[in-house]
């Protein structure tokens, strides 16, 4: 959906159920193989669901950003919400974004996953939810000069 909105090839390399430690191991090979112009980093949800140590999640996300930067690939990030009755982004996403100067969209996933009209189950968006996410990512990319 994002590719259609922005008129660019988008490679979805996500793996359902993957934690940041696994994504960190896969990322260098993916970046070398695909050589993207930009990395949209949306990771950590499974760490949060499985109650992994937040410090390890933070370290993994920071390392992913550094790996992309070593290859001169800019990064934008989507914040994943904490589990709870009222969804809000895990605090560490904003800290990472500010510290590493990474543009972040920190509301859309919480908004989508907090509204049953946009969910296919309790943790995944449906087509309408993905459309809202693609719209938010397009706005983020436009705002920061990537489009």
C-alpha atoms as a PDB file:
ATOM      1  CA  UNK A   1       0.000   0.000   0.000  1.00  0.00           C
ATOM      2  CA  UNK A   2       2.821   2.409   0.792  1.00  0.00           C
ATOM      3  CA  UNK A   3       4.496   1.735  -2.537  1.00  0.00           C
ATOM      4  CA  UNK A   4       1.275   2.518  -4.382  1.00  0.00           C
ATOM      5  CA  UNK A   5       0.839   5.762  -2.420  1.00  0.00           C
ATOM      6  CA  UNK A   6       4.351   7.059  -2.985  1.00  0.00           C
ATOM      7  CA  UNK A   7       5.095   5.591  -6.408  1.00  0.00           C
ATOM      8  CA  UNK A   8       8.232   3.794  -5.246  1.00  0.00           C
ATOM      9  CA  UNK A   9       9.225   0.193  -4.757  1.00  0.00           C
ATOM     10  CA  UNK A  10       8.717  -0.862  -1.142  1.00  0.00           C
ATOM     11  CA  UNK A  11      10.249  -4.079   0.122  1.00  0.00           C
ATOM     12  CA  UNK A  12       8.433  -5.527   3.103  1.00  0.00           C
ATOM     13  CA  UNK A  13      11.059  -7.661   4.833  1.00  0.00           C
ATOM     14  CA  UNK A  14       9.114  -8.104   8.057  1.00  0.00           C
ATOM     15  CA  UNK A  15       8.606 -11.552   9.523  1.00  0.00           C
ATOM     16  CA  UNK A  16       5.564 -12.177  11.717  1.00  0.00           C
ATOM     17  CA  UNK A  17       6.545 -12.995  15.283  1.00  0.00           C
ATOM     18  CA  UNK A  18      10.117 -11.780  14.906  1.00  0.00           C
ATOM     19  CA  UNK A  19      11.798 -10.092  17.853  1.00  0.00           C
ATOM     20  CA  UNK A  20      14.374  -7.312  17.556  1.00  0.00           C
ATOM     21  CA  UNK A  21      17.262  -9.669  18.294  1.00  0.00           C
ATOM     22  CA  UNK A  22      16.320 -11.726  15.235  1.00  0.00           C
ATOM     23  CA  UNK A  23      15.697  -8.639  13.107  1.00  0.00           C
ATOM     24  CA  UNK A  24      19.085  -7.272  14.091  1.00  0.00           C
ATOM     25  CA  UNK A  25      20.781 -10.461  12.862  1.00  0.00           C
ATOM     26  CA  UNK A  26      18.891 -10.337   9.530  1.00  0.00           C
ATOM     27  CA  UNK A  27      19.210  -6.632   8.815  1.00  0.00           C
ATOM     28  CA  UNK A  28      22.786  -6.406   7.460  1.00  0.00           C
ATOM     29  CA  UNK A  29      22.114  -9.056   4.826  1.00  0.00           C
ATOM     30  CA  UNK A  30      18.814  -7.475   3.830  1.00  0.00           C
ATOM     31  CA  UNK A  31      20.374  -4.044   3.435  1.00  0.00           C
ATOM     32  CA  UNK A  32      23.287  -5.441   1.436  1.00  0.00           C
ATOM     33  CA  UNK A  33      20.967  -7.471  -0.818  1.00  0.00           C
ATOM     34  CA  UNK A  34      18.332  -4.798  -1.477  1.00  0.00           C
ATOM     35  CA  UNK A  35      20.440  -1.618  -1.093  1.00  0.00           C
ATOM     36  CA  UNK A  36      17.421   0.527  -0.210  1.00  0.00           C
ATOM     37  CA  UNK A  37      17.345   4.316  -0.340  1.00  0.00           C
ATOM     38  CA  UNK A  38      15.558   4.404   3.020  1.00  0.00           C
ATOM     39  CA  UNK A  39      14.781   2.103   5.933  1.00  0.00           C
ATOM     40  CA  UNK A  40      11.355   2.341   7.564  1.00  0.00           C
ATOM     41  CA  UNK A  41      12.027   0.681  10.912  1.00  0.00           C
ATOM     42  CA  UNK A  42       8.957  -0.734  12.635  1.00  0.00           C
ATOM     43  CA  UNK A  43      10.187  -3.288  15.116  1.00  0.00           C
ATOM     44  CA  UNK A  44       9.776  -4.192  18.768  1.00  0.00           C
ATOM     45  CA  UNK A  45       6.137  -5.206  18.994  1.00  0.00           C
ATOM     46  CA  UNK A  46       6.921  -8.843  19.640  1.00  0.00           C
ATOM     47  CA  UNK A  47       9.512  -7.880  22.244  1.00  0.00           C
ATOM     48  CA  UNK A  48       6.808  -5.875  24.022  1.00  0.00           C
ATOM     49  CA  UNK A  49       4.202  -8.646  23.735  1.00  0.00           C
ATOM     50  CA  UNK A  50       6.635 -11.219  25.114  1.00  0.00           C
ATOM     51  CA  UNK A  51       7.789  -8.872  27.884  1.00  0.00           C
ATOM     52  CA  UNK A  52      11.428  -8.855  26.811  1.00  0.00           C
ATOM     53  CA  UNK A  53      13.807  -6.617  28.706  1.00  0.00           C
ATOM     54  CA  UNK A  54      13.260  -3.091  27.312  1.00  0.00           C
ATOM     55  CA  UNK A  55      16.983  -2.301  27.520  1.00  0.00           C
ATOM     56  CA  UNK A  56      17.719  -5.145  25.093  1.00  0.00           C
ATOM     57  CA  UNK A  57      15.001  -3.941  22.706  1.00  0.00           C
ATOM     58  CA  UNK A  58      16.412  -0.416  22.836  1.00  0.00           C
ATOM     59  CA  UNK A  59      19.951  -1.664  22.197  1.00  0.00           C
ATOM     60  CA  UNK A  60      18.763  -3.740  19.229  1.00  0.00           C
ATOM     61  CA  UNK A  61      16.834  -0.839  17.685  1.00  0.00           C
ATOM     62  CA  UNK A  62      19.788   1.513  18.128  1.00  0.00           C
ATOM     63  CA  UNK A  63      22.108  -1.013  16.507  1.00  0.00           C
ATOM     64  CA  UNK A  64      19.722  -1.414  13.552  1.00  0.00           C
ATOM     65  CA  UNK A  65      19.840   2.338  13.006  1.00  0.00           C
ATOM     66  CA  UNK A  66      23.641   2.329  13.192  1.00  0.00           C
ATOM     67  CA  UNK A  67      23.875  -0.556  10.710  1.00  0.00           C
ATOM     68  CA  UNK A  68      21.734   1.368   8.216  1.00  0.00           C
ATOM     69  CA  UNK A  69      23.752   4.540   8.739  1.00  0.00           C
ATOM     70  CA  UNK A  70      27.016   2.663   8.134  1.00  0.00           C
ATOM     71  CA  UNK A  71      25.602   1.974   4.670  1.00  0.00           C
ATOM     72  CA  UNK A  72      24.441   5.600   4.221  1.00  0.00           C
ATOM     73  CA  UNK A  73      20.802   4.539   4.416  1.00  0.00           C
ATOM     74  CA  UNK A  74      18.571   7.049   6.190  1.00  0.00           C
ATOM     75  CA  UNK A  75      16.083   5.707   8.739  1.00  0.00           C
ATOM     76  CA  UNK A  76      12.593   6.676   9.815  1.00  0.00           C
ATOM     77  CA  UNK A  77      10.915   4.839  12.647  1.00  0.00           C
ATOM     78  CA  UNK A  78       7.391   3.830  13.643  1.00  0.00           C
ATOM     79  CA  UNK A  79       6.737   3.534  17.373  1.00  0.00           C
ATOM     80  CA  UNK A  80       4.976   0.396  18.550  1.00  0.00           C
ATOM     81  CA  UNK A  81       2.475   0.764  21.387  1.00  0.00           C
ATOM     82  CA  UNK A  82       2.719  -0.865  24.774  1.00  0.00           C
ATOM     83  CA  UNK A  83       0.159  -3.501  25.665  1.00  0.00           C
ATOM     84  CA  UNK A  84      -2.700  -2.138  27.728  1.00  0.00           C
ATOM     85  CA  UNK A  85      -6.229  -0.822  27.816  1.00  0.00           C
ATOM     86  CA  UNK A  86      -5.203   2.575  26.456  1.00  0.00           C
ATOM     87  CA  UNK A  87      -2.558   2.170  23.807  1.00  0.00           C
ATOM     88  CA  UNK A  88       0.347   4.577  23.698  1.00  0.00           C
ATOM     89  CA  UNK A  89       3.824   4.237  22.213  1.00  0.00           C
ATOM     90  CA  UNK A  90       6.470   2.582  24.345  1.00  0.00           C
ATOM     91  CA  UNK A  91       8.458   5.437  25.890  1.00  0.00           C
ATOM     92  CA  UNK A  92      11.791   4.299  24.534  1.00  0.00           C
ATOM     93  CA  UNK A  93      10.895   4.991  20.883  1.00  0.00           C
ATOM     94  CA  UNK A  94      10.781   8.745  21.389  1.00  0.00           C
ATOM     95  CA  UNK A  95      14.039   8.590  23.355  1.00  0.00           C
ATOM     96  CA  UNK A  96      15.779   6.683  20.553  1.00  0.00           C
ATOM     97  CA  UNK A  97      14.394   9.018  17.884  1.00  0.00           C
ATOM     98  CA  UNK A  98      15.484  12.127  19.738  1.00  0.00           C
ATOM     99  CA  UNK A  99      18.904  10.814  20.709  1.00  0.00           C
ATOM    100  CA  UNK A 100      19.701   9.428  17.260  1.00  0.00           C
ATOM    101  CA  UNK A 101      17.902  12.166  15.332  1.00  0.00           C
ATOM    102  CA  UNK A 102      15.596   9.768  13.520  1.00  0.00           C
ATOM    103  CA  UNK A 103      12.229  10.996  12.256  1.00  0.00           C
ATOM    104  CA  UNK A 104       9.445   9.107  14.016  1.00  0.00           C
ATOM    105  CA  UNK A 105       5.737   8.510  13.587  1.00  0.00           C
ATOM    106  CA  UNK A 106       4.715   7.719  17.124  1.00  0.00           C
ATOM    107  CA  UNK A 107       0.915   7.750  17.038  1.00  0.00           C
ATOM    108  CA  UNK A 108      -0.382   5.807  14.050  1.00  0.00           C
ATOM    109  CA  UNK A 109       0.114   2.259  15.311  1.00  0.00           C
ATOM    110  CA  UNK A 110      -1.492   3.055  18.662  1.00  0.00           C
ATOM    111  CA  UNK A 111      -4.366   4.803  16.874  1.00  0.00           C
ATOM    112  CA  UNK A 112      -4.948   1.921  14.465  1.00  0.00           C
ATOM    113  CA  UNK A 113      -4.588  -0.838  17.046  1.00  0.00           C
ATOM    114  CA  UNK A 114      -6.808   1.044  19.476  1.00  0.00           C
ATOM    115  CA  UNK A 115      -9.724   1.050  17.049  1.00  0.00           C
ATOM    116  CA  UNK A 116     -11.459  -2.240  16.232  1.00  0.00           C
ATOM    117  CA  UNK A 117     -12.481  -0.912  12.806  1.00  0.00           C
ATOM    118  CA  UNK A 118      -8.815  -1.115  11.767  1.00  0.00           C
ATOM    119  CA  UNK A 119      -7.786  -4.459  13.284  1.00  0.00           C
ATOM    120  CA  UNK A 120      -7.870  -8.010  11.967  1.00  0.00           C
ATOM    121  CA  UNK A 121      -7.101  -9.395  15.445  1.00  0.00           C
ATOM    122  CA  UNK A 122      -5.889  -7.965  18.752  1.00  0.00           C
ATOM    123  CA  UNK A 123      -2.386  -7.097  17.469  1.00  0.00           C
ATOM    124  CA  UNK A 124      -2.593  -6.767  13.666  1.00  0.00           C
ATOM    125  CA  UNK A 125      -4.166  -4.173  11.389  1.00  0.00           C
ATOM    126  CA  UNK A 126      -6.661  -5.070   8.679  1.00  0.00           C
ATOM    127  CA  UNK A 127      -6.555  -3.587   5.159  1.00  0.00           C
ATOM    128  CA  UNK A 128      -8.133  -0.326   6.309  1.00  0.00           C
ATOM    129  CA  UNK A 129      -5.606  -0.117   9.141  1.00  0.00           C
ATOM    130  CA  UNK A 130      -2.687  -0.698   6.809  1.00  0.00           C
ATOM    131  CA  UNK A 131      -4.054   2.019   4.531  1.00  0.00           C
ATOM    132  CA  UNK A 132      -4.040   4.470   7.462  1.00  0.00           C
ATOM    133  CA  UNK A 133      -0.474   3.442   8.330  1.00  0.00           C
ATOM    134  CA  UNK A 134       0.659   3.940   4.718  1.00  0.00           C
ATOM    135  CA  UNK A 135      -0.929   7.409   4.735  1.00  0.00           C
ATOM    136  CA  UNK A 136       0.900   8.311   7.963  1.00  0.00           C
ATOM    137  CA  UNK A 137       4.240   7.031   6.653  1.00  0.00           C
ATOM    138  CA  UNK A 138       3.767   9.012   3.451  1.00  0.00           C
ATOM    139  CA  UNK A 139       3.125  12.131   5.531  1.00  0.00           C
ATOM    140  CA  UNK A 140       6.241  11.443   7.631  1.00  0.00           C
ATOM    141  CA  UNK A 141       8.388  10.975   4.526  1.00  0.00           C
ATOM    142  CA  UNK A 142       6.995  14.133   2.954  1.00  0.00           C
ATOM    143  CA  UNK A 143       7.483  16.150   6.130  1.00  0.00           C
ATOM    144  CA  UNK A 144      11.140  15.136   6.329  1.00  0.00           C
ATOM    145  CA  UNK A 145      11.969  15.641   2.661  1.00  0.00           C
ATOM    146  CA  UNK A 146      12.207  12.008   1.605  1.00  0.00           C
ATOM    147  CA  UNK A 147       9.487  12.497  -1.012  1.00  0.00           C
END
